[in-house]
Amino acid sequence: MNISENELIGNIILGVKQLIQYNDDLNKQNKQLLNDINKEKYELDILIRQFNFNLGIKLNFVNEILRKINCECPICYEPITIENFFYFGCHIEHIHCSNCVQYITKCSLCNKDITESIDEQYKNLKEFNLNTIDNNNKYQKIKSFQKSNNNN
């Protein structure tokens, strides 16, 4: 099979036109994707700004409460703010500044071990989660039992 020079040139030109069209299509898709990404980025930026604004208001509120109740570290007597706040978990009122906590192993107010307090918090949280899961499983079993009895 013998292809003439003109047919070969025609096929090459056709192929180049198809590549140009394919490239144009890809460019349109890329522009649309960039527009979508920029729109989502803008919406995400608005959400982040709202979150930061709300967080700032809440942190200011907590700082104001700590200042009004004249909350101070029982070790160094420095005022406790949200930035230097540390709570052991042994008692809601047993808070210390984060600077002093670095040098102690027990709560200065009740003498409870810090790691014991943290372990206890973890245990309570774990028990809460297990109870929640267990109760959800019981609830699901009761619901499926009721459905099966209603169908009979």
N, C-alpha and C. Protein backbone atom coordinates (compact mmCIF):
# COMPACT_ATOMS: atom_id res chain seq x y z
N MET A 1 0.85 -1.16 0.00
CA MET A 1 0.00 0.00 0.00
C MET A 1 0.90 1.23 0.00
N ASN A 2 0.65 2.03 -0.94
CA ASN A 2 1.47 3.19 -1.15
C ASN A 2 0.65 4.45 -0.87
N ILE A 3 1.11 5.31 0.07
CA ILE A 3 0.41 6.55 0.40
C ILE A 3 1.14 7.68 -0.29
N SER A 4 0.38 8.54 -0.94
CA SER A 4 1.01 9.66 -1.63
C SER A 4 1.45 10.70 -0.61
N GLU A 5 2.32 11.55 -1.08
CA GLU A 5 2.86 12.59 -0.22
C GLU A 5 1.75 13.53 0.27
N ASN A 6 0.81 13.85 -0.58
CA ASN A 6 -0.30 14.74 -0.22
C ASN A 6 -1.19 14.10 0.85
N GLU A 7 -1.46 12.80 0.74
CA GLU A 7 -2.28 12.11 1.74
C GLU A 7 -1.56 12.11 3.09
N LEU A 8 -0.25 11.88 3.06
CA LEU A 8 0.54 11.87 4.28
C LEU A 8 0.51 13.25 4.95
N ILE A 9 0.70 14.30 4.17
CA ILE A 9 0.65 15.66 4.71
C ILE A 9 -0.75 15.96 5.24
N GLY A 10 -1.77 15.54 4.53
CA GLY A 10 -3.17 15.73 4.96
C GLY A 10 -3.43 15.04 6.28
N ASN A 11 -2.93 13.81 6.44
CA ASN A 11 -3.11 13.06 7.69
C ASN A 11 -2.37 13.75 8.85
N ILE A 12 -1.18 14.26 8.58
CA ILE A 12 -0.41 14.95 9.61
C ILE A 12 -1.14 16.22 10.04
N ILE A 13 -1.65 16.98 9.06
CA ILE A 13 -2.38 18.21 9.37
C ILE A 13 -3.63 17.89 10.18
N LEU A 14 -4.34 16.85 9.81
CA LEU A 14 -5.54 16.43 10.54
C LEU A 14 -5.18 16.05 11.98
N GLY A 15 -4.09 15.32 12.14
CA GLY A 15 -3.63 14.93 13.47
C GLY A 15 -3.26 16.14 14.32
N VAL A 16 -2.57 17.11 13.70
CA VAL A 16 -2.18 18.33 14.41
C VAL A 16 -3.43 19.11 14.82
N LYS A 17 -4.44 19.21 13.94
CA LYS A 17 -5.69 19.90 14.26
C LYS A 17 -6.40 19.22 15.43
N GLN A 18 -6.39 17.90 15.43
CA GLN A 18 -7.01 17.16 16.54
C GLN A 18 -6.28 17.42 17.85
N LEU A 19 -4.93 17.46 17.79
CA LEU A 19 -4.15 17.75 18.99
C LEU A 19 -4.42 19.16 19.50
N ILE A 20 -4.54 20.12 18.58
CA ILE A 20 -4.83 21.50 18.97
C ILE A 20 -6.21 21.57 19.63
N GLN A 21 -7.19 20.88 19.05
CA GLN A 21 -8.54 20.87 19.63
C GLN A 21 -8.53 20.21 21.02
N TYR A 22 -7.80 19.11 21.14
CA TYR A 22 -7.68 18.41 22.42
C TYR A 22 -7.02 19.32 23.47
N ASN A 23 -5.98 20.04 23.04
CA ASN A 23 -5.29 20.98 23.93
C ASN A 23 -6.24 22.10 24.36
N ASP A 24 -7.03 22.63 23.44
CA ASP A 24 -8.01 23.68 23.77
C ASP A 24 -9.04 23.16 24.78
N ASP A 25 -9.50 21.94 24.58
CA ASP A 25 -10.46 21.34 25.51
C ASP A 25 -9.86 21.19 26.91
N LEU A 26 -8.61 20.75 26.97
CA LEU A 26 -7.93 20.61 28.27
C LEU A 26 -7.77 21.97 28.95
N ASN A 27 -7.44 22.99 28.17
CA ASN A 27 -7.30 24.33 28.74
C ASN A 27 -8.62 24.82 29.32
N LYS A 28 -9.73 24.56 28.62
CA LYS A 28 -11.05 24.95 29.14
C LYS A 28 -11.36 24.22 30.45
N GLN A 29 -11.06 22.92 30.47
CA GLN A 29 -11.30 22.13 31.69
C GLN A 29 -10.44 22.66 32.84
N ASN A 30 -9.17 22.98 32.55
CA ASN A 30 -8.28 23.50 33.59
C ASN A 30 -8.78 24.84 34.13
N LYS A 31 -9.26 25.72 33.24
CA LYS A 31 -9.80 27.00 33.69
C LYS A 31 -11.02 26.78 34.59
N GLN A 32 -11.88 25.85 34.22
CA GLN A 32 -13.06 25.56 35.03
C GLN A 32 -12.66 25.00 36.39
N LEU A 33 -11.68 24.10 36.40
CA LEU A 33 -11.20 23.54 37.67
C LEU A 33 -10.58 24.62 38.55
N LEU A 34 -9.79 25.50 37.95
CA LEU A 34 -9.20 26.60 38.72
C LEU A 34 -10.27 27.51 39.29
N ASN A 35 -11.32 27.80 38.50
CA ASN A 35 -12.42 28.61 39.01
C ASN A 35 -13.11 27.93 40.18
N ASP A 36 -13.35 26.62 40.05
CA ASP A 36 -13.98 25.85 41.13
C ASP A 36 -13.11 25.85 42.39
N ILE A 37 -11.81 25.65 42.20
CA ILE A 37 -10.88 25.63 43.33
C ILE A 37 -10.85 27.00 44.01
N ASN A 38 -10.78 28.06 43.22
CA ASN A 38 -10.76 29.41 43.79
C ASN A 38 -12.05 29.72 44.54
N LYS A 39 -13.17 29.26 44.01
CA LYS A 39 -14.45 29.47 44.69
C LYS A 39 -14.47 28.74 46.02
N GLU A 40 -14.04 27.47 46.02
CA GLU A 40 -14.00 26.70 47.26
C GLU A 40 -13.00 27.29 48.25
N LYS A 41 -11.86 27.75 47.74
CA LYS A 41 -10.86 28.39 48.60
C LYS A 41 -11.44 29.64 49.24
N TYR A 42 -12.17 30.42 48.48
CA TYR A 42 -12.80 31.63 49.01
C TYR A 42 -13.82 31.28 50.09
N GLU A 43 -14.66 30.28 49.82
CA GLU A 43 -15.66 29.86 50.81
C GLU A 43 -14.99 29.32 52.07
N LEU A 44 -13.92 28.55 51.91
CA LEU A 44 -13.18 28.02 53.05
C LEU A 44 -12.53 29.16 53.84
N ASP A 45 -12.01 30.15 53.15
CA ASP A 45 -11.41 31.30 53.81
C ASP A 45 -12.44 32.03 54.66
N ILE A 46 -13.66 32.19 54.15
CA ILE A 46 -14.74 32.83 54.91
C ILE A 46 -15.05 32.02 56.16
N LEU A 47 -15.15 30.68 56.02
CA LEU A 47 -15.43 29.82 57.17
C LEU A 47 -14.32 29.92 58.22
N ILE A 48 -13.08 29.94 57.77
CA ILE A 48 -11.95 30.05 58.71
C ILE A 48 -11.99 31.39 59.44
N ARG A 49 -12.29 32.46 58.72
CA ARG A 49 -12.39 33.77 59.36
C ARG A 49 -13.51 33.80 60.40
N GLN A 50 -14.67 33.19 60.06
CA GLN A 50 -15.78 33.14 61.01
C GLN A 50 -15.39 32.33 62.23
N PHE A 51 -14.73 31.19 62.01
CA PHE A 51 -14.29 30.35 63.11
C PHE A 51 -13.32 31.10 64.01
N ASN A 52 -12.32 31.74 63.41
CA ASN A 52 -11.33 32.50 64.19
C ASN A 52 -11.98 33.64 64.96
N PHE A 53 -12.95 34.31 64.33
CA PHE A 53 -13.66 35.40 65.00
C PHE A 53 -14.42 34.86 66.22
N ASN A 54 -15.18 33.76 66.01
CA ASN A 54 -15.93 33.17 67.12
C ASN A 54 -15.01 32.65 68.21
N LEU A 55 -13.91 32.03 67.81
CA LEU A 55 -12.94 31.52 68.79
C LEU A 55 -12.35 32.68 69.58
N GLY A 56 -12.03 33.77 68.89
CA GLY A 56 -11.48 34.95 69.56
C GLY A 56 -12.45 35.50 70.59
N ILE A 57 -13.73 35.57 70.23
CA ILE A 57 -14.74 36.06 71.17
C ILE A 57 -14.80 35.14 72.39
N LYS A 58 -14.80 33.82 72.15
CA LYS A 58 -14.88 32.87 73.27
C LYS A 58 -13.63 32.95 74.16
N LEU A 59 -12.46 33.07 73.55
CA LEU A 59 -11.23 33.18 74.33
C LEU A 59 -11.22 34.47 75.14
N ASN A 60 -11.68 35.56 74.54
CA ASN A 60 -11.77 36.82 75.29
C ASN A 60 -12.74 36.69 76.46
N PHE A 61 -13.84 35.98 76.23
CA PHE A 61 -14.83 35.77 77.28
C PHE A 61 -14.22 34.97 78.44
N VAL A 62 -13.52 33.89 78.11
CA VAL A 62 -12.88 33.07 79.15
C VAL A 62 -11.83 33.88 79.89
N ASN A 63 -11.01 34.63 79.17
CA ASN A 63 -10.00 35.47 79.82
C ASN A 63 -10.66 36.49 80.76
N GLU A 64 -11.78 37.06 80.31
CA GLU A 64 -12.48 38.03 81.15
C GLU A 64 -13.00 37.37 82.43
N ILE A 65 -13.54 36.15 82.30
CA ILE A 65 -14.01 35.42 83.48
C ILE A 65 -12.86 35.13 84.43
N LEU A 66 -11.75 34.64 83.87
CA LEU A 66 -10.58 34.34 84.71
C LEU A 66 -10.08 35.61 85.42
N ARG A 67 -10.13 36.74 84.73
CA ARG A 67 -9.68 38.00 85.33
C ARG A 67 -10.65 38.45 86.42
N LYS A 68 -11.96 38.31 86.15
CA LYS A 68 -12.96 38.77 87.12
C LYS A 68 -12.95 37.95 88.40
N ILE A 69 -12.72 36.65 88.27
CA ILE A 69 -12.70 35.83 89.49
C ILE A 69 -11.31 35.86 90.14
N ASN A 70 -10.45 36.69 89.58
CA ASN A 70 -9.11 36.88 90.12
C ASN A 70 -8.38 35.55 90.26
N CYS A 71 -8.40 34.79 89.18
CA CYS A 71 -7.80 33.46 89.17
C CYS A 71 -6.28 33.60 89.07
N GLU A 72 -5.59 32.99 90.02
CA GLU A 72 -4.13 33.05 89.98
C GLU A 72 -3.55 31.69 90.31
N CYS A 73 -2.35 31.47 89.85
CA CYS A 73 -1.64 30.21 90.09
C CYS A 73 -1.35 30.09 91.59
N PRO A 74 -1.64 28.92 92.19
CA PRO A 74 -1.40 28.75 93.62
C PRO A 74 0.09 28.65 93.96
N ILE A 75 0.94 28.56 92.96
CA ILE A 75 2.38 28.44 93.22
C ILE A 75 3.07 29.80 93.08
N CYS A 76 2.92 30.43 91.90
CA CYS A 76 3.63 31.69 91.66
C CYS A 76 2.74 32.92 91.83
N TYR A 77 1.45 32.73 92.00
CA TYR A 77 0.46 33.80 92.19
C TYR A 77 0.33 34.75 91.00
N GLU A 78 0.77 34.28 89.84
CA GLU A 78 0.57 35.05 88.62
C GLU A 78 -0.86 34.86 88.14
N PRO A 79 -1.47 35.88 87.52
CA PRO A 79 -2.83 35.72 87.00
C PRO A 79 -2.87 34.62 85.92
N ILE A 80 -3.92 33.82 85.96
CA ILE A 80 -4.07 32.76 84.96
C ILE A 80 -4.94 33.27 83.84
N THR A 81 -4.44 33.13 82.63
CA THR A 81 -5.18 33.50 81.43
C THR A 81 -5.33 32.25 80.57
N ILE A 82 -6.05 32.39 79.49
CA ILE A 82 -6.26 31.24 78.60
C ILE A 82 -4.93 30.79 78.00
N GLU A 83 -3.96 31.69 77.88
CA GLU A 83 -2.67 31.34 77.28
C GLU A 83 -1.81 30.49 78.21
N ASN A 84 -1.95 30.67 79.54
CA ASN A 84 -1.09 29.91 80.46
C ASN A 84 -1.88 28.98 81.37
N PHE A 85 -3.09 28.67 80.97
CA PHE A 85 -4.01 27.85 81.74
C PHE A 85 -3.62 26.37 81.68
N PHE A 86 -3.59 25.69 82.84
CA PHE A 86 -3.37 24.24 82.86
C PHE A 86 -4.27 23.63 83.93
N TYR A 87 -5.04 22.64 83.51
CA TYR A 87 -6.00 21.98 84.41
C TYR A 87 -5.59 20.51 84.57
N PHE A 88 -5.38 20.09 85.83
CA PHE A 88 -4.96 18.71 86.09
C PHE A 88 -6.08 17.70 85.88
N GLY A 89 -7.27 18.06 86.25
CA GLY A 89 -8.37 17.12 86.18
C GLY A 89 -8.72 16.55 87.54
N CYS A 90 -7.93 16.87 88.56
CA CYS A 90 -8.21 16.35 89.90
C CYS A 90 -9.41 17.07 90.50
N HIS A 91 -9.56 18.35 90.22
CA HIS A 91 -10.68 19.12 90.73
C HIS A 91 -10.84 20.34 89.83
N ILE A 92 -12.07 20.74 89.57
CA ILE A 92 -12.32 21.82 88.62
C ILE A 92 -11.62 23.12 89.00
N GLU A 93 -11.42 23.34 90.29
CA GLU A 93 -10.81 24.59 90.74
C GLU A 93 -9.28 24.49 90.86
N HIS A 94 -8.73 23.35 90.61
CA HIS A 94 -7.28 23.16 90.75
C HIS A 94 -6.58 23.44 89.43
N ILE A 95 -6.43 24.72 89.15
CA ILE A 95 -5.74 25.10 87.92
C ILE A 95 -4.43 25.80 88.29
N HIS A 96 -3.47 25.62 87.43
CA HIS A 96 -2.13 26.19 87.63
C HIS A 96 -1.72 26.84 86.33
N CYS A 97 -0.68 27.66 86.41
CA CYS A 97 -0.15 28.23 85.16
C CYS A 97 0.76 27.19 84.50
N SER A 98 0.86 27.26 83.21
CA SER A 98 1.64 26.27 82.46
C SER A 98 3.13 26.37 82.77
N ASN A 99 3.60 27.51 83.27
CA ASN A 99 5.01 27.64 83.63
C ASN A 99 5.34 26.79 84.85
N CYS A 100 4.51 26.87 85.90
CA CYS A 100 4.78 26.13 87.13
C CYS A 100 4.57 24.62 86.95
N VAL A 101 3.64 24.25 86.10
CA VAL A 101 3.32 22.83 85.89
C VAL A 101 4.54 22.06 85.39
N GLN A 102 5.43 22.76 84.70
CA GLN A 102 6.62 22.09 84.17
C GLN A 102 7.52 21.56 85.28
N TYR A 103 7.39 22.11 86.49
CA TYR A 103 8.32 21.77 87.56
C TYR A 103 7.69 20.95 88.69
N ILE A 104 6.44 20.57 88.55
CA ILE A 104 5.79 19.80 89.62
C ILE A 104 5.26 18.49 89.07
N THR A 105 5.09 17.50 89.95
CA THR A 105 4.53 16.22 89.55
C THR A 105 3.21 15.94 90.25
N LYS A 106 2.87 16.78 91.25
CA LYS A 106 1.61 16.63 91.98
C LYS A 106 0.89 17.96 92.01
N CYS A 107 -0.42 17.89 92.10
CA CYS A 107 -1.22 19.09 92.24
C CYS A 107 -0.83 19.76 93.56
N SER A 108 -0.56 21.06 93.52
CA SER A 108 -0.11 21.76 94.73
C SER A 108 -1.25 21.96 95.73
N LEU A 109 -2.48 21.73 95.31
CA LEU A 109 -3.62 21.96 96.20
C LEU A 109 -4.12 20.67 96.87
N CYS A 110 -4.11 19.56 96.16
CA CYS A 110 -4.62 18.31 96.75
C CYS A 110 -3.58 17.20 96.79
N ASN A 111 -2.40 17.46 96.24
CA ASN A 111 -1.28 16.52 96.25
C ASN A 111 -1.53 15.28 95.39
N LYS A 112 -2.47 15.36 94.47
CA LYS A 112 -2.75 14.22 93.58
C LYS A 112 -1.72 14.20 92.46
N ASP A 113 -1.24 13.00 92.13
CA ASP A 113 -0.23 12.84 91.09
C ASP A 113 -0.80 13.29 89.74
N ILE A 114 -0.02 14.04 89.00
CA ILE A 114 -0.49 14.56 87.71
C ILE A 114 -0.80 13.43 86.74
N THR A 115 0.10 12.46 86.63
CA THR A 115 -0.15 11.37 85.68
C THR A 115 -1.35 10.55 86.11
N GLU A 116 -1.55 10.39 87.42
CA GLU A 116 -2.72 9.68 87.92
C GLU A 116 -3.99 10.42 87.50
N SER A 117 -3.94 11.73 87.60
CA SER A 117 -5.08 12.56 87.24
C SER A 117 -5.38 12.43 85.75
N ILE A 118 -4.34 12.48 84.93
CA ILE A 118 -4.52 12.35 83.48
C ILE A 118 -5.03 10.96 83.13
N ASP A 119 -4.46 9.91 83.77
CA ASP A 119 -4.93 8.54 83.54
C ASP A 119 -6.39 8.40 83.93
N GLU A 120 -6.78 9.04 85.04
CA GLU A 120 -8.16 8.96 85.49
C GLU A 120 -9.10 9.64 84.50
N GLN A 121 -8.67 10.78 83.97
CA GLN A 121 -9.48 11.45 82.96
C GLN A 121 -9.65 10.55 81.73
N TYR A 122 -8.56 9.92 81.30
CA TYR A 122 -8.62 9.03 80.14
C TYR A 122 -9.55 7.86 80.42
N LYS A 123 -9.43 7.28 81.64
CA LYS A 123 -10.28 6.15 82.01
C LYS A 123 -11.75 6.56 82.00
N ASN A 124 -12.05 7.72 82.56
CA ASN A 124 -13.43 8.20 82.57
C ASN A 124 -13.95 8.42 81.16
N LEU A 125 -13.11 9.00 80.31
CA LEU A 125 -13.51 9.23 78.94
C LEU A 125 -13.73 7.91 78.22
N LYS A 126 -12.81 6.95 78.45
CA LYS A 126 -12.92 5.64 77.81
C LYS A 126 -14.20 4.93 78.28
N GLU A 127 -14.48 5.00 79.59
CA GLU A 127 -15.70 4.38 80.11
C GLU A 127 -16.93 5.04 79.52
N PHE A 128 -16.89 6.37 79.42
CA PHE A 128 -18.02 7.08 78.83
C PHE A 128 -18.25 6.62 77.40
N ASN A 129 -17.16 6.54 76.63
CA ASN A 129 -17.29 6.10 75.23
C ASN A 129 -17.79 4.67 75.15
N LEU A 130 -17.25 3.79 76.00
CA LEU A 130 -17.68 2.39 75.98
C LEU A 130 -19.15 2.28 76.38
N ASN A 131 -19.56 3.02 77.42
CA ASN A 131 -20.96 3.00 77.83
C ASN A 131 -21.86 3.53 76.73
N THR A 132 -21.41 4.58 76.07
CA THR A 132 -22.21 5.15 74.98
C THR A 132 -22.35 4.13 73.86
N ILE A 133 -21.23 3.49 73.50
CA ILE A 133 -21.26 2.47 72.45
C ILE A 133 -22.13 1.31 72.88
N ASP A 134 -21.96 0.86 74.14
CA ASP A 134 -22.73 -0.26 74.66
C ASP A 134 -24.22 0.08 74.65
N ASN A 135 -24.57 1.28 75.11
CA ASN A 135 -25.97 1.69 75.12
C ASN A 135 -26.54 1.79 73.71
N ASN A 136 -25.73 2.28 72.77
CA ASN A 136 -26.19 2.34 71.38
C ASN A 136 -26.43 0.95 70.83
N ASN A 137 -25.54 0.00 71.15
CA ASN A 137 -25.72 -1.38 70.71
C ASN A 137 -26.99 -1.98 71.31
N LYS A 138 -27.22 -1.74 72.61
CA LYS A 138 -28.42 -2.24 73.26
C LYS A 138 -29.65 -1.64 72.60
N TYR A 139 -29.60 -0.35 72.34
CA TYR A 139 -30.71 0.33 71.70
C TYR A 139 -31.01 -0.28 70.34
N GLN A 140 -29.95 -0.52 69.55
CA GLN A 140 -30.13 -1.12 68.23
C GLN A 140 -30.73 -2.52 68.33
N LYS A 141 -30.27 -3.30 69.32
CA LYS A 141 -30.79 -4.65 69.50
C LYS A 141 -32.26 -4.61 69.89
N ILE A 142 -32.62 -3.68 70.77
CA ILE A 142 -34.02 -3.55 71.20
C ILE A 142 -34.89 -3.16 70.02
N LYS A 143 -34.41 -2.18 69.23
CA LYS A 143 -35.18 -1.74 68.06
C LYS A 143 -35.38 -2.88 67.06
N SER A 144 -34.32 -3.64 66.79
CA SER A 144 -34.46 -4.75 65.83
C SER A 144 -35.37 -5.83 66.40
N PHE A 145 -35.32 -6.07 67.72
CA PHE A 145 -36.21 -7.04 68.35
C PHE A 145 -37.66 -6.58 68.22
N GLN A 146 -37.90 -5.28 68.48
CA GLN A 146 -39.26 -4.75 68.36
C GLN A 146 -39.76 -4.85 66.93
N LYS A 147 -38.91 -4.57 65.97
CA LYS A 147 -39.32 -4.68 64.57
C LYS A 147 -39.67 -6.11 64.20
N SER A 148 -38.84 -7.05 64.67
CA SER A 148 -39.10 -8.45 64.34
C SER A 148 -40.40 -8.92 64.99
N ASN A 149 -40.70 -8.46 66.19
CA ASN A 149 -41.94 -8.84 66.86
C ASN A 149 -43.15 -8.18 66.21
N ASN A 150 -42.98 -6.97 65.72
CA ASN A 150 -44.09 -6.30 65.05
C ASN A 150 -44.42 -6.94 63.71
N ASN A 151 -43.42 -7.51 63.08
CA ASN A 151 -43.64 -8.18 61.79
C ASN A 151 -44.32 -9.51 61.96
N ASN A 152 -44.21 -10.14 63.13
CA ASN A 152 -44.82 -11.46 63.35
C ASN A 152 -46.24 -11.38 63.73
